[in-house]
């Protein structure tokens, strides 16, 4: 499976990451505002672009998501 995003987060002051697609990111969203940011970002993301969620987590686009 090809993934469109890298999701970066911290646990116990250590940086972790996982490869994700849009549906996975929406399931991870901690709140409605994060969900809305993810949905908007996924619609217009270009490789190399990124956003920071209200939770402080970072999402980096690795390739253009399939619509």
PDB file of N, CA and C in Angstrom:
ATOM      1  N   UNK A   1       0.839  -1.185   0.000  1.00  0.00           N
ATOM      2  CA  UNK A   1       0.000   0.000   0.000  1.00  0.00           C
ATOM      3  C   UNK A   1       0.883   1.247   0.000  1.00  0.00           C
ATOM      4  N   UNK A   2       0.492   2.218  -0.778  1.00  0.00           N
ATOM      5  CA  UNK A   2       1.218   3.492  -0.826  1.00  0.00           C
ATOM      6  C   UNK A   2       0.561   4.459   0.148  1.00  0.00           C
ATOM      7  N   UNK A   3       1.383   5.211   0.837  1.00  0.00           N
ATOM      8  CA  UNK A   3       0.890   6.186   1.796  1.00  0.00           C
ATOM      9  C   UNK A   3       1.177   7.589   1.295  1.00  0.00           C
ATOM     10  N   UNK A   4       0.304   8.530   1.665  1.00  0.00           N
ATOM     11  CA  UNK A   4       0.404   9.901   1.192  1.00  0.00           C
ATOM     12  C   UNK A   4       1.018  10.850   2.213  1.00  0.00           C
ATOM     13  N   UNK A   5       1.037  10.445   3.481  1.00  0.00           N
ATOM     14  CA  UNK A   5       1.451  11.346   4.549  1.00  0.00           C
ATOM     15  C   UNK A   5       2.371  10.663   5.554  1.00  0.00           C
ATOM     16  N   UNK A   6       3.151  11.480   6.235  1.00  0.00           N
ATOM     17  CA  UNK A   6       3.904  11.035   7.403  1.00  0.00           C
ATOM     18  C   UNK A   6       3.330  11.817   8.579  1.00  0.00           C
ATOM     19  N   UNK A   7       2.946  11.098   9.617  1.00  0.00           N
ATOM     20  CA  UNK A   7       2.353  11.689  10.813  1.00  0.00           C
ATOM     21  C   UNK A   7       3.408  11.653  11.915  1.00  0.00           C
ATOM     22  N   UNK A   8       3.825  12.825  12.391  1.00  0.00           N
ATOM     23  CA  UNK A   8       4.861  12.919  13.432  1.00  0.00           C
ATOM     24  C   UNK A   8       4.224  13.351  14.750  1.00  0.00           C
ATOM     25  N   UNK A   9       4.576  12.653  15.817  1.00  0.00           N
ATOM     26  CA  UNK A   9       3.999  12.926  17.126  1.00  0.00           C
ATOM     27  C   UNK A   9       5.018  12.566  18.197  1.00  0.00           C
ATOM     28  N   UNK A  10       4.775  13.012  19.411  1.00  0.00           N
ATOM     29  CA  UNK A  10       5.693  12.691  20.504  1.00  0.00           C
ATOM     30  C   UNK A  10       4.988  11.854  21.566  1.00  0.00           C
ATOM     31  N   UNK A  11       5.740  10.937  22.137  1.00  0.00           N
ATOM     32  CA  UNK A  11       5.307  10.140  23.285  1.00  0.00           C
ATOM     33  C   UNK A  11       6.476  10.128  24.254  1.00  0.00           C
ATOM     34  N   UNK A  12       6.230  10.576  25.470  1.00  0.00           N
ATOM     35  CA  UNK A  12       7.288  10.632  26.486  1.00  0.00           C
ATOM     36  C   UNK A  12       8.520  11.378  25.976  1.00  0.00           C
ATOM     37  N   UNK A  13       8.280  12.524  25.352  1.00  0.00           N
ATOM     38  CA  UNK A  13       9.347  13.395  24.832  1.00  0.00           C
ATOM     39  C   UNK A  13      10.196  12.766  23.736  1.00  0.00           C
ATOM     40  N   UNK A  14       9.713  11.712  23.102  1.00  0.00           N
ATOM     41  CA  UNK A  14      10.417  11.094  21.975  1.00  0.00           C
ATOM     42  C   UNK A  14       9.574  11.268  20.717  1.00  0.00           C
ATOM     43  N   UNK A  15      10.228  11.642  19.624  1.00  0.00           N
ATOM     44  CA  UNK A  15       9.522  11.830  18.356  1.00  0.00           C
ATOM     45  C   UNK A  15       9.281  10.474  17.710  1.00  0.00           C
ATOM     46  N   UNK A  16       8.061  10.267  17.286  1.00  0.00           N
ATOM     47  CA  UNK A  16       7.656   9.043  16.591  1.00  0.00           C
ATOM     48  C   UNK A  16       7.006   9.451  15.273  1.00  0.00           C
ATOM     49  N   UNK A  17       6.914   8.531  14.338  1.00  0.00           N
ATOM     50  CA  UNK A  17       6.242   8.819  13.084  1.00  0.00           C
ATOM     51  C   UNK A  17       5.586   7.556  12.553  1.00  0.00           C
ATOM     52  N   UNK A  18       4.607   7.757  11.690  1.00  0.00           N
ATOM     53  CA  UNK A  18       3.968   6.635  11.013  1.00  0.00           C
ATOM     54  C   UNK A  18       3.519   7.087   9.632  1.00  0.00           C
ATOM     55  N   UNK A  19       3.494   6.158   8.696  1.00  0.00           N
ATOM     56  CA  UNK A  19       3.000   6.422   7.351  1.00  0.00           C
ATOM     57  C   UNK A  19       1.483   6.269   7.377  1.00  0.00           C
ATOM     58  N   UNK A  20       0.782   7.212   6.763  1.00  0.00           N
ATOM     59  CA  UNK A  20      -0.679   7.249   6.850  1.00  0.00           C
ATOM     60  C   UNK A  20      -1.311   7.618   5.516  1.00  0.00           C
ATOM     61  N   UNK A  21      -2.587   7.282   5.388  1.00  0.00           N
ATOM     62  CA  UNK A  21      -3.396   7.829   4.305  1.00  0.00           C
ATOM     63  C   UNK A  21      -4.451   8.737   4.946  1.00  0.00           C
ATOM     64  N   UNK A  22      -5.269   9.382   4.158  1.00  0.00           N
ATOM     65  CA  UNK A  22      -6.223  10.356   4.692  1.00  0.00           C
ATOM     66  C   UNK A  22      -7.180   9.726   5.701  1.00  0.00           C
ATOM     67  N   UNK A  23      -7.707   8.553   5.404  1.00  0.00           N
ATOM     68  CA  UNK A  23      -8.654   7.903   6.320  1.00  0.00           C
ATOM     69  C   UNK A  23      -8.003   7.610   7.673  1.00  0.00           C
ATOM     70  N   UNK A  24      -6.743   7.155   7.654  1.00  0.00           N
ATOM     71  CA  UNK A  24      -6.030   6.889   8.909  1.00  0.00           C
ATOM     72  C   UNK A  24      -5.864   8.169   9.719  1.00  0.00           C
ATOM     73  N   UNK A  25      -5.510   9.253   9.034  1.00  0.00           N
ATOM     74  CA  UNK A  25      -5.318  10.526   9.729  1.00  0.00           C
ATOM     75  C   UNK A  25      -6.608  10.998  10.380  1.00  0.00           C
ATOM     76  N   UNK A  26      -7.712  10.845   9.676  1.00  0.00           N
ATOM     77  CA  UNK A  26      -9.003  11.273  10.238  1.00  0.00           C
ATOM     78  C   UNK A  26      -9.359  10.459  11.476  1.00  0.00           C
ATOM     79  N   UNK A  27      -9.015   9.184  11.506  1.00  0.00           N
ATOM     80  CA  UNK A  27      -9.269   8.361  12.686  1.00  0.00           C
ATOM     81  C   UNK A  27      -8.395   8.783  13.858  1.00  0.00           C
ATOM     82  N   UNK A  28      -7.187   9.264  13.581  1.00  0.00           N
ATOM     83  CA  UNK A  28      -6.261   9.692  14.632  1.00  0.00           C
ATOM     84  C   UNK A  28      -6.615  11.046  15.232  1.00  0.00           C
ATOM     85  N   UNK A  29      -7.414  11.840  14.520  1.00  0.00           N
ATOM     86  CA  UNK A  29      -7.707  13.209  14.943  1.00  0.00           C
ATOM     87  C   UNK A  29      -8.251  13.237  16.372  1.00  0.00           C
ATOM     88  N   UNK A  30      -7.664  14.105  17.171  1.00  0.00           N
ATOM     89  CA  UNK A  30      -8.030  14.199  18.584  1.00  0.00           C
ATOM     90  C   UNK A  30      -9.307  15.002  18.805  1.00  0.00           C
ATOM     91  N   UNK A  31      -9.647  15.863  17.862  1.00  0.00           N
ATOM     92  CA  UNK A  31     -10.825  16.717  18.040  1.00  0.00           C
ATOM     93  C   UNK A  31     -11.369  17.127  16.666  1.00  0.00           C
ATOM     94  N   UNK A  32     -12.542  17.752  16.677  1.00  0.00           N
ATOM     95  CA  UNK A  32     -13.180  18.164  15.429  1.00  0.00           C
ATOM     96  C   UNK A  32     -12.342  19.178  14.662  1.00  0.00           C
ATOM     97  N   UNK A  33     -11.665  20.080  15.368  1.00  0.00           N
ATOM     98  CA  UNK A  33     -10.855  21.079  14.663  1.00  0.00           C
ATOM     99  C   UNK A  33      -9.686  20.417  13.934  1.00  0.00           C
ATOM    100  N   UNK A  34      -9.079  19.381  14.535  1.00  0.00           N
ATOM    101  CA  UNK A  34      -8.021  18.630  13.856  1.00  0.00           C
ATOM    102  C   UNK A  34      -8.574  17.908  12.637  1.00  0.00           C
ATOM    103  N   UNK A  35      -9.774  17.327  12.767  1.00  0.00           N
ATOM    104  CA  UNK A  35     -10.401  16.631  11.649  1.00  0.00           C
ATOM    105  C   UNK A  35     -10.621  17.585  10.479  1.00  0.00           C
ATOM    106  N   UNK A  36     -11.088  18.791  10.784  1.00  0.00           N
ATOM    107  CA  UNK A  36     -11.340  19.776   9.741  1.00  0.00           C
ATOM    108  C   UNK A  36     -10.028  20.193   9.071  1.00  0.00           C
ATOM    109  N   UNK A  37      -8.975  20.422   9.852  1.00  0.00           N
ATOM    110  CA  UNK A  37      -7.669  20.763   9.282  1.00  0.00           C
ATOM    111  C   UNK A  37      -7.159  19.662   8.364  1.00  0.00           C
ATOM    112  N   UNK A  38      -7.304  18.406   8.786  1.00  0.00           N
ATOM    113  CA  UNK A  38      -6.848  17.271   7.978  1.00  0.00           C
ATOM    114  C   UNK A  38      -7.620  17.190   6.669  1.00  0.00           C
ATOM    115  N   UNK A  39      -8.950  17.328   6.743  1.00  0.00           N
ATOM    116  CA  UNK A  39      -9.761  17.258   5.529  1.00  0.00           C
ATOM    117  C   UNK A  39      -9.372  18.348   4.539  1.00  0.00           C
ATOM    118  N   UNK A  40      -9.191  19.574   5.017  1.00  0.00           N
ATOM    119  CA  UNK A  40      -8.811  20.679   4.138  1.00  0.00           C
ATOM    120  C   UNK A  40      -7.409  20.463   3.565  1.00  0.00           C
ATOM    121  N   UNK A  41      -6.485  20.033   4.403  1.00  0.00           N
ATOM    122  CA  UNK A  41      -5.114  19.802   3.961  1.00  0.00           C
ATOM    123  C   UNK A  41      -5.057  18.697   2.907  1.00  0.00           C
ATOM    124  N   UNK A  42      -5.779  17.608   3.117  1.00  0.00           N
ATOM    125  CA  UNK A  42      -5.760  16.486   2.181  1.00  0.00           C
ATOM    126  C   UNK A  42      -6.291  16.881   0.795  1.00  0.00           C
ATOM    127  N   UNK A  43      -7.187  17.844   0.752  1.00  0.00           N
ATOM    128  CA  UNK A  43      -7.752  18.292  -0.527  1.00  0.00           C
ATOM    129  C   UNK A  43      -6.757  19.081  -1.368  1.00  0.00           C
ATOM    130  N   UNK A  44      -5.815  19.783  -0.710  1.00  0.00           N
ATOM    131  CA  UNK A  44      -4.918  20.653  -1.466  1.00  0.00           C
ATOM    132  C   UNK A  44      -3.436  20.385  -1.234  1.00  0.00           C
ATOM    133  N   UNK A  45      -3.109  19.324  -0.532  1.00  0.00           N
ATOM    134  CA  UNK A  45      -1.712  19.033  -0.192  1.00  0.00           C
ATOM    135  C   UNK A  45      -0.869  18.742  -1.424  1.00  0.00           C
ATOM    136  N   UNK A  46       0.325  19.272  -1.411  1.00  0.00           N
ATOM    137  CA  UNK A  46       1.331  19.014  -2.433  1.00  0.00           C
ATOM    138  C   UNK A  46       2.510  18.331  -1.744  1.00  0.00           C
ATOM    139  N   UNK A  47       3.250  17.484  -2.441  1.00  0.00           N
ATOM    140  CA  UNK A  47       4.426  16.867  -1.821  1.00  0.00           C
ATOM    141  C   UNK A  47       5.360  17.931  -1.233  1.00  0.00           C
ATOM    142  N   UNK A  48       5.766  17.722   0.002  1.00  0.00           N
ATOM    143  CA  UNK A  48       6.639  18.655   0.697  1.00  0.00           C
ATOM    144  C   UNK A  48       5.913  19.634   1.593  1.00  0.00           C
ATOM    145  N   UNK A  49       4.592  19.750   1.451  1.00  0.00           N
ATOM    146  CA  UNK A  49       3.840  20.653   2.317  1.00  0.00           C
ATOM    147  C   UNK A  49       3.524  19.962   3.639  1.00  0.00           C
ATOM    148  N   UNK A  50       3.235  20.763   4.656  1.00  0.00           N
ATOM    149  CA  UNK A  50       2.925  20.197   5.971  1.00  0.00           C
ATOM    150  C   UNK A  50       1.995  21.118   6.746  1.00  0.00           C
ATOM    151  N   UNK A  51       1.359  20.560   7.769  1.00  0.00           N
ATOM    152  CA  UNK A  51       0.547  21.343   8.700  1.00  0.00           C
ATOM    153  C   UNK A  51       0.854  20.872  10.114  1.00  0.00           C
ATOM    154  N   UNK A  52       0.561  21.746  11.057  1.00  0.00           N
ATOM    155  CA  UNK A  52       0.633  21.391  12.470  1.00  0.00           C
ATOM    156  C   UNK A  52      -0.787  21.422  13.011  1.00  0.00           C
ATOM    157  N   UNK A  53      -1.202  20.339  13.628  1.00  0.00           N
ATOM    158  CA  UNK A  53      -2.540  20.249  14.187  1.00  0.00           C
ATOM    159  C   UNK A  53      -2.626  21.013  15.501  1.00  0.00           C
ATOM    160  N   UNK A  54      -3.852  21.281  15.944  1.00  0.00           N
ATOM    161  CA  UNK A  54      -4.060  21.945  17.231  1.00  0.00           C
ATOM    162  C   UNK A  54      -3.430  21.146  18.366  1.00  0.00           C
ATOM    163  N   UNK A  55      -3.333  19.845  18.194  1.00  0.00           N
ATOM    164  CA  UNK A  55      -2.741  18.975  19.206  1.00  0.00           C
ATOM    165  C   UNK A  55      -1.207  19.114  19.254  1.00  0.00           C
ATOM    166  N   UNK A  56      -0.623  19.795  18.244  1.00  0.00           N
ATOM    167  CA  UNK A  56       0.827  19.951  18.171  1.00  0.00           C
ATOM    168  C   UNK A  56       1.497  18.925  17.275  1.00  0.00           C
ATOM    169  N   UNK A  57       0.752  17.934  16.821  1.00  0.00           N
ATOM    170  CA  UNK A  57       1.303  16.922  15.923  1.00  0.00           C
ATOM    171  C   UNK A  57       1.495  17.514  14.525  1.00  0.00           C
ATOM    172  N   UNK A  58       2.410  16.931  13.770  1.00  0.00           N
ATOM    173  CA  UNK A  58       2.765  17.417  12.446  1.00  0.00           C
ATOM    174  C   UNK A  58       2.372  16.393  11.397  1.00  0.00           C
ATOM    175  N   UNK A  59       1.819  16.867  10.284  1.00  0.00           N
ATOM    176  CA  UNK A  59       1.516  15.998   9.148  1.00  0.00           C
ATOM    177  C   UNK A  59       2.272  16.541   7.942  1.00  0.00           C
ATOM    178  N   UNK A  60       3.050  15.675   7.316  1.00  0.00           N
ATOM    179  CA  UNK A  60       3.879  16.015   6.171  1.00  0.00           C
ATOM    180  C   UNK A  60       3.363  15.229   4.968  1.00  0.00           C
ATOM    181  N   UNK A  61       3.165  15.918   3.851  1.00  0.00           N
ATOM    182  CA  UNK A  61       2.676  15.260   2.635  1.00  0.00           C
ATOM    183  C   UNK A  61       3.861  14.707   1.838  1.00  0.00           C
ATOM    184  N   UNK A  62       3.848  13.415   1.549  1.00  0.00           N
ATOM    185  CA  UNK A  62       4.933  12.791   0.809  1.00  0.00           C
ATOM    186  C   UNK A  62       4.633  12.644  -0.680  1.00  0.00           C
ATOM    187  N   UNK A  63       3.365  12.596  -1.032  1.00  0.00           N
ATOM    188  CA  UNK A  63       2.955  12.549  -2.440  1.00  0.00           C
ATOM    189  C   UNK A  63       1.538  13.066  -2.533  1.00  0.00           C
ATOM    190  N   UNK A  64       1.107  13.439  -3.719  1.00  0.00           N
ATOM    191  CA  UNK A  64      -0.218  14.004  -3.905  1.00  0.00           C
ATOM    192  C   UNK A  64      -1.277  12.941  -3.591  1.00  0.00           C
ATOM    193  N   UNK A  65      -2.137  13.208  -2.595  1.00  0.00           N
ATOM    194  CA  UNK A  65      -3.175  12.230  -2.235  1.00  0.00           C
ATOM    195  C   UNK A  65      -4.149  11.996  -3.379  1.00  0.00           C
ATOM    196  N   UNK A  66      -4.631  10.768  -3.485  1.00  0.00           N
ATOM    197  CA  UNK A  66      -5.658  10.455  -4.471  1.00  0.00           C
ATOM    198  C   UNK A  66      -6.973  11.029  -3.991  1.00  0.00           C
ATOM    199  N   UNK A  67      -7.695  11.652  -4.880  1.00  0.00           N
ATOM    200  CA  UNK A  67      -8.968  12.288  -4.523  1.00  0.00           C
ATOM    201  C   UNK A  67     -10.082  11.287  -4.573  1.00  0.00           C
TER     202      UNK A  67
END
